[in-house]
Amino acid sequence: MSSVLDEREAYLNSPYFKKHEYGDFTPFYIAVTICTILGVFIFLINIVLGCCSTHSRYWNDRHTGNRWIASLWTATPHKQPALDYTELQDISTQTPQVVYHHPPHQPSAPPQQYLELQKRESDI
């Protein structure tokens, strides 16, 4: 009984084997490198703005920024100031209302040939 380990070079004798094909993963590694550089850049900007900026008080306050999409596990509603709903109030605009007036639909008499066909059909 032969096993794969006994004949390790048997695939070289196959008529379908021409040469070894090695994969080229260069585009993948380039994409990973670009994403890593971008992520590190954003992380460093966050640290600089959070610690070394004149606006660090703003960046470190959890009640600033976009609280409408802040998830509950990052900012729970406990002891948070109320949301400002003034920006959501209905704003009236002076745009003209377009109204389309359709003429009243008057039923028209069917053509004479349809009446004749209907008479023939009813006779049958």
PDB file of N, CA and C in Angstrom:
ATOM      1  N   MET A   1       0.846  -1.165   0.000  1.00  0.00           N
ATOM      2  CA  MET A   1       0.000   0.000   0.000  1.00  0.00           C
ATOM      3  C   MET A   1       0.898   1.238   0.000  1.00  0.00           C
ATOM      4  N   SER A   2       0.699   2.066  -0.994  1.00  0.00           N
ATOM      5  CA  SER A   2       1.543   3.253  -1.075  1.00  0.00           C
ATOM      6  C   SER A   2       0.782   4.449  -0.522  1.00  0.00           C
ATOM      7  N   SER A   3       1.505   5.361  -0.013  1.00  0.00           N
ATOM      8  CA  SER A   3       0.889   6.578   0.513  1.00  0.00           C
ATOM      9  C   SER A   3       1.498   7.776  -0.207  1.00  0.00           C
ATOM     10  N   VAL A   4       0.929   8.904   0.045  1.00  0.00           N
ATOM     11  CA  VAL A   4       1.409  10.127  -0.587  1.00  0.00           C
ATOM     12  C   VAL A   4       2.823  10.432  -0.125  1.00  0.00           C
ATOM     13  N   LEU A   5       3.131  10.101   1.106  1.00  0.00           N
ATOM     14  CA  LEU A   5       4.457  10.396   1.630  1.00  0.00           C
ATOM     15  C   LEU A   5       5.539   9.529   0.986  1.00  0.00           C
ATOM     16  N   ASP A   6       5.170   8.348   0.500  1.00  0.00           N
ATOM     17  CA  ASP A   6       6.161   7.478  -0.128  1.00  0.00           C
ATOM     18  C   ASP A   6       6.552   7.994  -1.510  1.00  0.00           C
ATOM     19  N   GLU A   7       5.604   8.547  -2.232  1.00  0.00           N
ATOM     20  CA  GLU A   7       5.885   9.028  -3.584  1.00  0.00           C
ATOM     21  C   GLU A   7       5.665  10.546  -3.640  1.00  0.00           C
ATOM     22  N   ARG A   8       6.548  11.286  -3.061  1.00  0.00           N
ATOM     23  CA  ARG A   8       6.383  12.736  -2.951  1.00  0.00           C
ATOM     24  C   ARG A   8       6.571  13.454  -4.283  1.00  0.00           C
ATOM     25  N   GLU A   9       7.300  12.886  -5.192  1.00  0.00           N
ATOM     26  CA  GLU A   9       7.574  13.539  -6.469  1.00  0.00           C
ATOM     27  C   GLU A   9       6.744  12.944  -7.609  1.00  0.00           C
ATOM     28  N   ALA A  10       5.699  12.159  -7.318  1.00  0.00           N
ATOM     29  CA  ALA A  10       4.904  11.497  -8.346  1.00  0.00           C
ATOM     30  C   ALA A  10       4.120  12.502  -9.187  1.00  0.00           C
ATOM     31  N   TYR A  11       3.759  13.632  -8.619  1.00  0.00           N
ATOM     32  CA  TYR A  11       2.989  14.621  -9.376  1.00  0.00           C
ATOM     33  C   TYR A  11       3.802  15.213 -10.521  1.00  0.00           C
ATOM     34  N   LEU A  12       5.127  15.144 -10.438  1.00  0.00           N
ATOM     35  CA  LEU A  12       5.966  15.685 -11.509  1.00  0.00           C
ATOM     36  C   LEU A  12       5.831  14.875 -12.797  1.00  0.00           C
ATOM     37  N   ASN A  13       5.436  13.624 -12.699  1.00  0.00           N
ATOM     38  CA  ASN A  13       5.288  12.764 -13.859  1.00  0.00           C
ATOM     39  C   ASN A  13       3.909  12.905 -14.525  1.00  0.00           C
ATOM     40  N   SER A  14       3.014  13.675 -13.965  1.00  0.00           N
ATOM     41  CA  SER A  14       1.675  13.852 -14.513  1.00  0.00           C
ATOM     42  C   SER A  14       1.756  14.624 -15.830  1.00  0.00           C
ATOM     43  N   PRO A  15       0.963  14.252 -16.838  1.00  0.00           N
ATOM     44  CA  PRO A  15       0.991  14.981 -18.106  1.00  0.00           C
ATOM     45  C   PRO A  15       0.392  16.390 -17.987  1.00  0.00           C
ATOM     46  N   TYR A  16      -0.366  16.649 -16.948  1.00  0.00           N
ATOM     47  CA  TYR A  16      -0.979  17.972 -16.772  1.00  0.00           C
ATOM     48  C   TYR A  16      -0.060  18.946 -16.039  1.00  0.00           C
ATOM     49  N   PHE A  17       0.992  18.445 -15.411  1.00  0.00           N
ATOM     50  CA  PHE A  17       1.894  19.314 -14.666  1.00  0.00           C
ATOM     51  C   PHE A  17       2.884  19.950 -15.632  1.00  0.00           C
ATOM     52  N   LYS A  18       2.936  21.258 -15.668  1.00  0.00           N
ATOM     53  CA  LYS A  18       3.886  21.945 -16.533  1.00  0.00           C
ATOM     54  C   LYS A  18       4.966  22.637 -15.717  1.00  0.00           C
ATOM     55  N   LYS A  19       4.563  23.396 -14.706  1.00  0.00           N
ATOM     56  CA  LYS A  19       5.514  24.085 -13.832  1.00  0.00           C
ATOM     57  C   LYS A  19       4.782  24.470 -12.551  1.00  0.00           C
ATOM     58  N   HIS A  20       5.522  24.868 -11.569  1.00  0.00           N
ATOM     59  CA  HIS A  20       4.940  25.343 -10.313  1.00  0.00           C
ATOM     60  C   HIS A  20       4.371  26.743 -10.543  1.00  0.00           C
ATOM     61  N   GLU A  21       3.197  26.986  -9.996  1.00  0.00           N
ATOM     62  CA  GLU A  21       2.576  28.305 -10.110  1.00  0.00           C
ATOM     63  C   GLU A  21       2.510  28.916  -8.715  1.00  0.00           C
ATOM     64  N   TYR A  22       3.175  30.027  -8.562  1.00  0.00           N
ATOM     65  CA  TYR A  22       3.196  30.712  -7.280  1.00  0.00           C
ATOM     66  C   TYR A  22       2.282  31.925  -7.355  1.00  0.00           C
ATOM     67  N   GLY A  23       1.537  32.179  -6.298  1.00  0.00           N
ATOM     68  CA  GLY A  23       0.619  33.313  -6.261  1.00  0.00           C
ATOM     69  C   GLY A  23       1.362  34.609  -5.980  1.00  0.00           C
ATOM     70  N   ASP A  24       0.846  35.688  -6.576  1.00  0.00           N
ATOM     71  CA  ASP A  24       1.409  37.015  -6.358  1.00  0.00           C
ATOM     72  C   ASP A  24       0.414  37.800  -5.507  1.00  0.00           C
ATOM     73  N   PHE A  25       0.753  38.003  -4.250  1.00  0.00           N
ATOM     74  CA  PHE A  25      -0.131  38.695  -3.309  1.00  0.00           C
ATOM     75  C   PHE A  25       0.293  40.145  -3.086  1.00  0.00           C
ATOM     76  N   THR A  26       1.047  40.704  -4.016  1.00  0.00           N
ATOM     77  CA  THR A  26       1.535  42.071  -3.868  1.00  0.00           C
ATOM     78  C   THR A  26       0.395  43.083  -3.741  1.00  0.00           C
ATOM     79  N   PRO A  27      -0.666  43.050  -4.570  1.00  0.00           N
ATOM     80  CA  PRO A  27      -1.752  44.034  -4.391  1.00  0.00           C
ATOM     81  C   PRO A  27      -2.425  43.936  -3.025  1.00  0.00           C
ATOM     82  N   PHE A  28      -2.552  42.723  -2.516  1.00  0.00           N
ATOM     83  CA  PHE A  28      -3.150  42.552  -1.189  1.00  0.00           C
ATOM     84  C   PHE A  28      -2.289  43.209  -0.118  1.00  0.00           C
ATOM     85  N   TYR A  29      -0.983  42.977  -0.189  1.00  0.00           N
ATOM     86  CA  TYR A  29      -0.087  43.560   0.817  1.00  0.00           C
ATOM     87  C   TYR A  29      -0.024  45.081   0.683  1.00  0.00           C
ATOM     88  N   ILE A  30      -0.147  45.589  -0.529  1.00  0.00           N
ATOM     89  CA  ILE A  30      -0.169  47.044  -0.719  1.00  0.00           C
ATOM     90  C   ILE A  30      -1.438  47.630  -0.093  1.00  0.00           C
ATOM     91  N   ALA A  31      -2.584  46.979  -0.303  1.00  0.00           N
ATOM     92  CA  ALA A  31      -3.844  47.464   0.280  1.00  0.00           C
ATOM     93  C   ALA A  31      -3.805  47.418   1.797  1.00  0.00           C
ATOM     94  N   VAL A  32      -3.252  46.343   2.360  1.00  0.00           N
ATOM     95  CA  VAL A  32      -3.141  46.235   3.822  1.00  0.00           C
ATOM     96  C   VAL A  32      -2.222  47.329   4.351  1.00  0.00           C
ATOM     97  N   THR A  33      -1.129  47.609   3.659  1.00  0.00           N
ATOM     98  CA  THR A  33      -0.200  48.655   4.092  1.00  0.00           C
ATOM     99  C   THR A  33      -0.860  50.026   4.051  1.00  0.00           C
ATOM    100  N   ILE A  34      -1.600  50.317   2.993  1.00  0.00           N
ATOM    101  CA  ILE A  34      -2.270  51.620   2.898  1.00  0.00           C
ATOM    102  C   ILE A  34      -3.308  51.779   4.011  1.00  0.00           C
ATOM    103  N   CYS A  35      -4.095  50.737   4.265  1.00  0.00           N
ATOM    104  CA  CYS A  35      -5.099  50.810   5.338  1.00  0.00           C
ATOM    105  C   CYS A  35      -4.440  50.957   6.701  1.00  0.00           C
ATOM    106  N   THR A  36      -3.315  50.284   6.905  1.00  0.00           N
ATOM    107  CA  THR A  36      -2.604  50.400   8.182  1.00  0.00           C
ATOM    108  C   THR A  36      -2.059  51.807   8.372  1.00  0.00           C
ATOM    109  N   ILE A  37      -1.480  52.372   7.326  1.00  0.00           N
ATOM    110  CA  ILE A  37      -0.945  53.744   7.425  1.00  0.00           C
ATOM    111  C   ILE A  37      -2.070  54.727   7.694  1.00  0.00           C
ATOM    112  N   LEU A  38      -3.197  54.568   7.022  1.00  0.00           N
ATOM    113  CA  LEU A  38      -4.335  55.453   7.249  1.00  0.00           C
ATOM    114  C   LEU A  38      -4.868  55.316   8.677  1.00  0.00           C
ATOM    115  N   GLY A  39      -4.970  54.084   9.166  1.00  0.00           N
ATOM    116  CA  GLY A  39      -5.456  53.867  10.532  1.00  0.00           C
ATOM    117  C   GLY A  39      -4.529  54.458  11.577  1.00  0.00           C
ATOM    118  N   VAL A  40      -3.227  54.284  11.392  1.00  0.00           N
ATOM    119  CA  VAL A  40      -2.257  54.856  12.341  1.00  0.00           C
ATOM    120  C   VAL A  40      -2.315  56.376  12.288  1.00  0.00           C
ATOM    121  N   PHE A  41      -2.487  56.952  11.095  1.00  0.00           N
ATOM    122  CA  PHE A  41      -2.587  58.398  10.960  1.00  0.00           C
ATOM    123  C   PHE A  41      -3.808  58.937  11.705  1.00  0.00           C
ATOM    124  N   ILE A  42      -4.949  58.292  11.541  1.00  0.00           N
ATOM    125  CA  ILE A  42      -6.164  58.728  12.254  1.00  0.00           C
ATOM    126  C   ILE A  42      -5.999  58.560  13.759  1.00  0.00           C
ATOM    127  N   PHE A  43      -5.374  57.482  14.173  1.00  0.00           N
ATOM    128  CA  PHE A  43      -5.137  57.248  15.604  1.00  0.00           C
ATOM    129  C   PHE A  43      -4.224  58.326  16.187  1.00  0.00           C
ATOM    130  N   LEU A  44      -3.177  58.693  15.456  1.00  0.00           N
ATOM    131  CA  LEU A  44      -2.265  59.737  15.939  1.00  0.00           C
ATOM    132  C   LEU A  44      -2.954  61.099  15.979  1.00  0.00           C
ATOM    133  N   ILE A  45      -3.782  61.395  15.005  1.00  0.00           N
ATOM    134  CA  ILE A  45      -4.521  62.665  15.037  1.00  0.00           C
ATOM    135  C   ILE A  45      -5.443  62.707  16.250  1.00  0.00           C
ATOM    136  N   ASN A  46      -6.071  61.582  16.560  1.00  0.00           N
ATOM    137  CA  ASN A  46      -6.935  61.522  17.736  1.00  0.00           C
ATOM    138  C   ASN A  46      -6.140  61.795  19.018  1.00  0.00           C
ATOM    139  N   ILE A  47      -4.965  61.228  19.124  1.00  0.00           N
ATOM    140  CA  ILE A  47      -4.141  61.462  20.311  1.00  0.00           C
ATOM    141  C   ILE A  47      -3.698  62.920  20.373  1.00  0.00           C
ATOM    142  N   VAL A  48      -3.264  63.480  19.246  1.00  0.00           N
ATOM    143  CA  VAL A  48      -2.804  64.874  19.231  1.00  0.00           C
ATOM    144  C   VAL A  48      -3.953  65.810  19.581  1.00  0.00           C
ATOM    145  N   LEU A  49      -5.106  65.608  18.995  1.00  0.00           N
ATOM    146  CA  LEU A  49      -6.235  66.500  19.281  1.00  0.00           C
ATOM    147  C   LEU A  49      -6.785  66.291  20.688  1.00  0.00           C
ATOM    148  N   GLY A  50      -6.628  65.098  21.227  1.00  0.00           N
ATOM    149  CA  GLY A  50      -7.141  64.828  22.565  1.00  0.00           C
ATOM    150  C   GLY A  50      -6.216  65.280  23.677  1.00  0.00           C
ATOM    151  N   CYS A  51      -4.927  65.334  23.427  1.00  0.00           N
ATOM    152  CA  CYS A  51      -3.979  65.655  24.496  1.00  0.00           C
ATOM    153  C   CYS A  51      -3.241  66.967  24.274  1.00  0.00           C
ATOM    154  N   CYS A  52      -2.803  67.226  23.085  1.00  0.00           N
ATOM    155  CA  CYS A  52      -1.861  68.313  22.843  1.00  0.00           C
ATOM    156  C   CYS A  52      -2.478  69.524  22.165  1.00  0.00           C
ATOM    157  N   SER A  53      -3.773  69.563  22.008  1.00  0.00           N
ATOM    158  CA  SER A  53      -4.412  70.653  21.295  1.00  0.00           C
ATOM    159  C   SER A  53      -4.965  71.676  22.272  1.00  0.00           C
ATOM    160  N   THR A  54      -5.167  72.915  21.766  1.00  0.00           N
ATOM    161  CA  THR A  54      -5.799  73.932  22.609  1.00  0.00           C
ATOM    162  C   THR A  54      -7.271  73.604  22.827  1.00  0.00           C
ATOM    163  N   HIS A  55      -7.833  72.727  21.991  1.00  0.00           N
ATOM    164  CA  HIS A  55      -9.231  72.331  22.111  1.00  0.00           C
ATOM    165  C   HIS A  55      -9.362  70.954  22.754  1.00  0.00           C
ATOM    166  N   SER A  56      -8.402  70.565  23.552  1.00  0.00           N
ATOM    167  CA  SER A  56      -8.447  69.217  24.146  1.00  0.00           C
ATOM    168  C   SER A  56      -9.636  69.051  25.079  1.00  0.00           C
ATOM    169  N   ARG A  57     -10.110  70.148  25.685  1.00  0.00           N
ATOM    170  CA  ARG A  57     -11.281  70.045  26.548  1.00  0.00           C
ATOM    171  C   ARG A  57     -12.500  69.614  25.737  1.00  0.00           C
ATOM    172  N   TYR A  58     -12.630  70.148  24.516  1.00  0.00           N
ATOM    173  CA  TYR A  58     -13.734  69.769  23.623  1.00  0.00           C
ATOM    174  C   TYR A  58     -13.597  68.311  23.197  1.00  0.00           C
ATOM    175  N   TRP A  59     -12.397  67.891  22.806  1.00  0.00           N
ATOM    176  CA  TRP A  59     -12.189  66.543  22.303  1.00  0.00           C
ATOM    177  C   TRP A  59     -12.356  65.492  23.391  1.00  0.00           C
ATOM    178  N   ASN A  60     -12.105  65.857  24.635  1.00  0.00           N
ATOM    179  CA  ASN A  60     -12.226  64.894  25.726  1.00  0.00           C
ATOM    180  C   ASN A  60     -13.609  64.877  26.364  1.00  0.00           C
ATOM    181  N   ASP A  61     -14.483  65.825  26.000  1.00  0.00           N
ATOM    182  CA  ASP A  61     -15.829  65.862  26.552  1.00  0.00           C
ATOM    183  C   ASP A  61     -16.707  64.890  25.777  1.00  0.00           C
ATOM    184  N   ARG A  62     -17.327  63.954  26.482  1.00  0.00           N
ATOM    185  CA  ARG A  62     -18.134  62.951  25.785  1.00  0.00           C
ATOM    186  C   ARG A  62     -19.492  63.481  25.360  1.00  0.00           C
ATOM    187  N   HIS A  63     -19.854  64.694  25.777  1.00  0.00           N
ATOM    188  CA  HIS A  63     -21.140  65.262  25.405  1.00  0.00           C
ATOM    189  C   HIS A  63     -21.040  66.159  24.179  1.00  0.00           C
ATOM    190  N   THR A  64     -19.900  66.245  23.544  1.00  0.00           N
ATOM    191  CA  THR A  64     -19.752  67.017  22.313  1.00  0.00           C
ATOM    192  C   THR A  64     -19.700  66.070  21.134  1.00  0.00           C
ATOM    193  N   GLY A  65     -19.713  66.625  19.972  1.00  0.00           N
ATOM    194  CA  GLY A  65     -19.662  65.783  18.783  1.00  0.00           C
ATOM    195  C   GLY A  65     -21.055  65.374  18.361  1.00  0.00           C
ATOM    196  N   ASN A  66     -21.137  64.364  17.565  1.00  0.00           N
ATOM    197  CA  ASN A  66     -22.414  63.924  17.030  1.00  0.00           C
ATOM    198  C   ASN A  66     -23.042  62.910  17.980  1.00  0.00           C
ATOM    199  N   ARG A  67     -23.906  63.387  18.859  1.00  0.00           N
ATOM    200  CA  ARG A  67     -24.533  62.495  19.836  1.00  0.00           C
ATOM    201  C   ARG A  67     -25.718  61.760  19.255  1.00  0.00           C
ATOM    202  N   TRP A  68     -26.119  62.102  18.041  1.00  0.00           N
ATOM    203  CA  TRP A  68     -27.273  61.441  17.443  1.00  0.00           C
ATOM    204  C   TRP A  68     -26.932  60.009  17.034  1.00  0.00           C
ATOM    205  N   ILE A  69     -25.678  59.749  16.717  1.00  0.00           N
ATOM    206  CA  ILE A  69     -25.314  58.403  16.291  1.00  0.00           C
ATOM    207  C   ILE A  69     -24.400  57.719  17.300  1.00  0.00           C
ATOM    208  N   ALA A  70     -24.181  58.350  18.450  1.00  0.00           N
ATOM    209  CA  ALA A  70     -23.345  57.716  19.470  1.00  0.00           C
ATOM    210  C   ALA A  70     -24.046  56.469  19.990  1.00  0.00           C
ATOM    211  N   SER A  71     -23.341  55.385  19.998  1.00  0.00           N
ATOM    212  CA  SER A  71     -23.956  54.135  20.435  1.00  0.00           C
ATOM    213  C   SER A  71     -24.077  54.100  21.955  1.00  0.00           C
ATOM    214  N   LEU A  72     -24.983  53.274  22.445  1.00  0.00           N
ATOM    215  CA  LEU A  72     -25.281  53.253  23.869  1.00  0.00           C
ATOM    216  C   LEU A  72     -24.116  52.744  24.713  1.00  0.00           C
ATOM    217  N   TRP A  73     -23.277  51.875  24.166  1.00  0.00           N
ATOM    218  CA  TRP A  73     -22.192  51.354  24.990  1.00  0.00           C
ATOM    219  C   TRP A  73     -21.022  52.332  25.096  1.00  0.00           C
ATOM    220  N   THR A  74     -21.027  53.400  24.283  1.00  0.00           N
ATOM    221  CA  THR A  74     -19.974  54.399  24.440  1.00  0.00           C
ATOM    222  C   THR A  74     -20.454  55.591  25.254  1.00  0.00           C
ATOM    223  N   ALA A  75     -21.724  55.917  25.160  1.00  0.00           N
ATOM    224  CA  ALA A  75     -22.269  57.041  25.913  1.00  0.00           C
ATOM    225  C   ALA A  75     -23.694  56.698  26.322  1.00  0.00           C
ATOM    226  N   THR A  76     -23.853  56.185  27.512  1.00  0.00           N
ATOM    227  CA  THR A  76     -25.186  55.831  27.991  1.00  0.00           C
ATOM    228  C   THR A  76     -25.956  57.096  28.343  1.00  0.00           C
ATOM    229  N   PRO A  77     -27.278  57.048  28.359  1.00  0.00           N
ATOM    230  CA  PRO A  77     -28.062  58.251  28.632  1.00  0.00           C
ATOM    231  C   PRO A  77     -27.990  58.723  30.083  1.00  0.00           C
ATOM    232  N   HIS A  78     -27.340  57.968  30.958  1.00  0.00           N
ATOM    233  CA  HIS A  78     -27.263  58.344  32.373  1.00  0.00           C
ATOM    234  C   HIS A  78     -26.440  59.615  32.535  1.00  0.00           C
ATOM    235  N   LYS A  79     -27.021  60.614  33.165  1.00  0.00           N
ATOM    236  CA  LYS A  79     -26.387  61.900  33.482  1.00  0.00           C
ATOM    237  C   LYS A  79     -25.911  62.643  32.240  1.00  0.00           C
ATOM    238  N   GLN A  80     -26.604  62.495  31.140  1.00  0.00           N
ATOM    239  CA  GLN A  80     -26.287  63.280  29.944  1.00  0.00           C
ATOM    240  C   GLN A  80     -27.241  64.452  29.856  1.00  0.00           C
ATOM    241  N   PRO A  81     -26.783  65.591  29.368  1.00  0.00           N
ATOM    242  CA  PRO A  81     -27.719  66.695  29.160  1.00  0.00           C
ATOM    243  C   PRO A  81     -28.707  66.343  28.050  1.00  0.00           C
ATOM    244  N   ALA A  82     -29.855  66.954  28.103  1.00  0.00           N
ATOM    245  CA  ALA A  82     -30.899  66.658  27.121  1.00  0.00           C
ATOM    246  C   ALA A  82     -30.467  67.091  25.734  1.00  0.00           C
ATOM    247  N   LEU A  83     -30.952  66.381  24.743  1.00  0.00           N
ATOM    248  CA  LEU A  83     -30.637  66.720  23.360  1.00  0.00           C
ATOM    249  C   LEU A  83     -31.362  67.994  22.961  1.00  0.00           C
ATOM    250  N   ASP A  84     -30.748  68.758  22.078  1.00  0.00           N
ATOM    251  CA  ASP A  84     -31.318  70.006  21.597  1.00  0.00           C
ATOM    252  C   ASP A  84     -32.130  69.706  20.345  1.00  0.00           C
ATOM    253  N   TYR A  85     -33.442  69.809  20.455  1.00  0.00           N
ATOM    254  CA  TYR A  85     -34.326  69.484  19.338  1.00  0.00           C
ATOM    255  C   TYR A  85     -34.675  70.700  18.489  1.00  0.00           C
ATOM    256  N   THR A  86     -34.103  71.858  18.751  1.00  0.00           N
ATOM    257  CA  THR A  86     -34.478  73.053  18.004  1.00  0.00           C
ATOM    258  C   THR A  86     -34.111  72.935  16.533  1.00  0.00           C
ATOM    259  N   GLU A  87     -33.069  72.196  16.216  1.00  0.00           N
ATOM    260  CA  GLU A  87     -32.689  72.070  14.815  1.00  0.00           C
ATOM    261  C   GLU A  87     -33.634  71.161  14.038  1.00  0.00           C
ATOM    262  N   LEU A  88     -34.472  70.408  14.744  1.00  0.00           N
ATOM    263  CA  LEU A  88     -35.400  69.508  14.078  1.00  0.00           C
ATOM    264  C   LEU A  88     -36.782  70.108  13.888  1.00  0.00           C
ATOM    265  N   GLN A  89     -36.993  71.337  14.350  1.00  0.00           N
ATOM    266  CA  GLN A  89     -38.297  71.970  14.214  1.00  0.00           C
ATOM    267  C   GLN A  89     -38.586  72.228  12.738  1.00  0.00           C
ATOM    268  N   ASP A  90     -39.865  72.234  12.429  1.00  0.00           N
ATOM    269  CA  ASP A  90     -40.276  72.428  11.049  1.00  0.00           C
ATOM    270  C   ASP A  90     -39.935  73.842  10.604  1.00  0.00           C
ATOM    271  N   ILE A  91     -39.250  73.926   9.492  1.00  0.00           N
ATOM    272  CA  ILE A  91     -38.867  75.225   8.953  1.00  0.00           C
ATOM    273  C   ILE A  91     -39.805  75.513   7.798  1.00  0.00           C
ATOM    274  N   SER A  92     -40.516  76.646   7.875  1.00  0.00           N
ATOM    275  CA  SER A  92     -41.442  76.979   6.797  1.00  0.00           C
ATOM    276  C   SER A  92     -40.668  77.677   5.690  1.00  0.00           C
ATOM    277  N   THR A  93     -40.959  77.309   4.483  1.00  0.00           N
ATOM    278  CA  THR A  93     -40.315  77.930   3.333  1.00  0.00           C
ATOM    279  C   THR A  93     -41.380  78.590   2.482  1.00  0.00           C
ATOM    280  N   GLN A  94     -40.969  79.513   1.681  1.00  0.00           N
ATOM    281  CA  GLN A  94     -41.898  80.262   0.841  1.00  0.00           C
ATOM    282  C   GLN A  94     -41.858  79.721  -0.590  1.00  0.00           C
ATOM    283  N   THR A  95     -41.964  78.430  -0.736  1.00  0.00           N
ATOM    284  CA  THR A  95     -41.993  77.856  -2.076  1.00  0.00           C
ATOM    285  C   THR A  95     -43.438  77.774  -2.540  1.00  0.00           C
ATOM    286  N   PRO A  96     -43.703  78.103  -3.791  1.00  0.00           N
ATOM    287  CA  PRO A  96     -45.092  78.050  -4.278  1.00  0.00           C
ATOM    288  C   PRO A  96     -45.558  76.607  -4.399  1.00  0.00           C
ATOM    289  N   GLN A  97     -46.827  76.427  -4.100  1.00  0.00           N
ATOM    290  CA  GLN A  97     -47.437  75.113  -4.224  1.00  0.00           C
ATOM    291  C   GLN A  97     -47.925  74.947  -5.665  1.00  0.00           C
ATOM    292  N   VAL A  98     -47.524  73.887  -6.296  1.00  0.00           N
ATOM    293  CA  VAL A  98     -47.930  73.628  -7.677  1.00  0.00           C
ATOM    294  C   VAL A  98     -49.157  72.733  -7.644  1.00  0.00           C
ATOM    295  N   VAL A  99     -50.221  73.210  -8.281  1.00  0.00           N
ATOM    296  CA  VAL A  99     -51.464  72.451  -8.333  1.00  0.00           C
ATOM    297  C   VAL A  99     -51.796  72.217  -9.802  1.00  0.00           C
ATOM    298  N   TYR A 100     -52.023  70.988 -10.138  1.00  0.00           N
ATOM    299  CA  TYR A 100     -52.364  70.642 -11.511  1.00  0.00           C
ATOM    300  C   TYR A 100     -53.878  70.481 -11.626  1.00  0.00           C
ATOM    301  N   HIS A 101     -54.471  71.197 -12.559  1.00  0.00           N
ATOM    302  CA  HIS A 101     -55.910  71.109 -12.793  1.00  0.00           C
ATOM    303  C   HIS A 101     -56.132  70.266 -14.032  1.00  0.00           C
ATOM    304  N   HIS A 102     -56.818  69.171 -13.853  1.00  0.00           N
ATOM    305  CA  HIS A 102     -57.136  68.310 -14.974  1.00  0.00           C
ATOM    306  C   HIS A 102     -58.547  68.640 -15.448  1.00  0.00           C
ATOM    307  N   PRO A 103     -58.745  68.695 -16.753  1.00  0.00           N
ATOM    308  CA  PRO A 103     -60.111  68.949 -17.234  1.00  0.00           C
ATOM    309  C   PRO A 103     -61.002  67.762 -16.886  1.00  0.00           C
ATOM    310  N   PRO A 104     -62.261  68.017 -16.642  1.00  0.00           N
ATOM    311  CA  PRO A 104     -63.153  66.900 -16.281  1.00  0.00           C
ATOM    312  C   PRO A 104     -63.241  65.903 -17.436  1.00  0.00           C
ATOM    313  N   HIS A 105     -63.235  64.646 -17.091  1.00  0.00           N
ATOM    314  CA  HIS A 105     -63.262  63.587 -18.091  1.00  0.00           C
ATOM    315  C   HIS A 105     -64.702  63.349 -18.533  1.00  0.00           C
ATOM    316  N   GLN A 106     -64.937  63.504 -19.830  1.00  0.00           N
ATOM    317  CA  GLN A 106     -66.265  63.270 -20.371  1.00  0.00           C
ATOM    318  C   GLN A 106     -66.216  61.973 -21.165  1.00  0.00           C
ATOM    319  N   PRO A 107     -67.057  61.044 -20.813  1.00  0.00           N
ATOM    320  CA  PRO A 107     -67.026  59.790 -21.561  1.00  0.00           C
ATOM    321  C   PRO A 107     -67.455  60.019 -23.003  1.00  0.00           C
ATOM    322  N   SER A 108     -66.690  59.497 -23.893  1.00  0.00           N
ATOM    323  CA  SER A 108     -67.001  59.668 -25.315  1.00  0.00           C
ATOM    324  C   SER A 108     -67.750  58.434 -25.811  1.00  0.00           C
ATOM    325  N   ALA A 109     -68.512  58.628 -26.830  1.00  0.00           N
ATOM    326  CA  ALA A 109     -69.279  57.530 -27.399  1.00  0.00           C
ATOM    327  C   ALA A 109     -68.330  56.589 -28.139  1.00  0.00           C
ATOM    328  N   PRO A 110     -68.535  55.295 -28.007  1.00  0.00           N
ATOM    329  CA  PRO A 110     -67.654  54.364 -28.704  1.00  0.00           C
ATOM    330  C   PRO A 110     -67.842  54.475 -30.212  1.00  0.00           C
ATOM    331  N   PRO A 111     -66.830  54.192 -30.974  1.00  0.00           N
ATOM    332  CA  PRO A 111     -66.944  54.278 -32.437  1.00  0.00           C
ATOM    333  C   PRO A 111     -68.007  53.305 -32.966  1.00  0.00           C
ATOM    334  N   GLN A 112     -68.498  53.602 -34.143  1.00  0.00           N
ATOM    335  CA  GLN A 112     -69.597  52.846 -34.749  1.00  0.00           C
ATOM    336  C   GLN A 112     -69.227  51.385 -34.990  1.00  0.00           C
ATOM    337  N   GLN A 113     -67.980  51.118 -35.356  1.00  0.00           N
ATOM    338  CA  GLN A 113     -67.612  49.734 -35.665  1.00  0.00           C
ATOM    339  C   GLN A 113     -67.657  48.863 -34.409  1.00  0.00           C
ATOM    340  N   TYR A 114     -67.340  49.423 -33.248  1.00  0.00           N
ATOM    341  CA  TYR A 114     -67.422  48.640 -32.012  1.00  0.00           C
ATOM    342  C   TYR A 114     -68.873  48.312 -31.669  1.00  0.00           C
ATOM    343  N   LEU A 115     -69.775  49.248 -31.955  1.00  0.00           N
ATOM    344  CA  LEU A 115     -71.183  48.996 -31.697  1.00  0.00           C
ATOM    345  C   LEU A 115     -71.703  47.865 -32.586  1.00  0.00           C
ATOM    346  N   GLU A 116     -71.257  47.850 -33.830  1.00  0.00           N
ATOM    347  CA  GLU A 116     -71.679  46.787 -34.733  1.00  0.00           C
ATOM    348  C   GLU A 116     -71.144  45.433 -34.280  1.00  0.00           C
ATOM    349  N   LEU A 117     -69.888  45.412 -33.849  1.00  0.00           N
ATOM    350  CA  LEU A 117     -69.308  44.158 -33.366  1.00  0.00           C
ATOM    351  C   LEU A 117     -70.040  43.673 -32.117  1.00  0.00           C
ATOM    352  N   GLN A 118     -70.427  44.606 -31.263  1.00  0.00           N
ATOM    353  CA  GLN A 118     -71.128  44.226 -30.049  1.00  0.00           C
ATOM    354  C   GLN A 118     -72.507  43.648 -30.381  1.00  0.00           C
ATOM    355  N   LYS A 119     -73.185  44.213 -31.383  1.00  0.00           N
ATOM    356  CA  LYS A 119     -74.489  43.697 -31.807  1.00  0.00           C
ATOM    357  C   LYS A 119     -74.355  42.289 -32.353  1.00  0.00           C
ATOM    358  N   ARG A 120     -73.323  42.053 -33.172  1.00  0.00           N
ATOM    359  CA  ARG A 120     -73.113  40.726 -33.735  1.00  0.00           C
ATOM    360  C   ARG A 120     -72.817  39.697 -32.629  1.00  0.00           C
ATOM    361  N   GLU A 121     -72.030  40.160 -31.651  1.00  0.00           N
ATOM    362  CA  GLU A 121     -71.687  39.250 -30.549  1.00  0.00           C
ATOM    363  C   GLU A 121     -72.893  38.905 -29.724  1.00  0.00           C
ATOM    364  N   SER A 122     -73.754  39.874 -29.492  1.00  0.00           N
ATOM    365  CA  SER A 122     -74.945  39.596 -28.698  1.00  0.00           C
ATOM    366  C   SER A 122     -75.935  38.723 -29.453  1.00  0.00           C
ATOM    367  N   ASP A 123     -75.939  38.808 -30.802  1.00  0.00           N
ATOM    368  CA  ASP A 123     -76.810  37.947 -31.601  1.00  0.00           C
ATOM    369  C   ASP A 123     -76.372  36.484 -31.533  1.00  0.00           C
ATOM    370  N   ILE A 124     -75.124  36.263 -31.350  1.00  0.00           N
ATOM    371  CA  ILE A 124     -74.623  34.888 -31.313  1.00  0.00           C
ATOM    372  C   ILE A 124     -75.023  34.300 -29.996  1.00  0.00           C
TER     373      ILE A 124
END
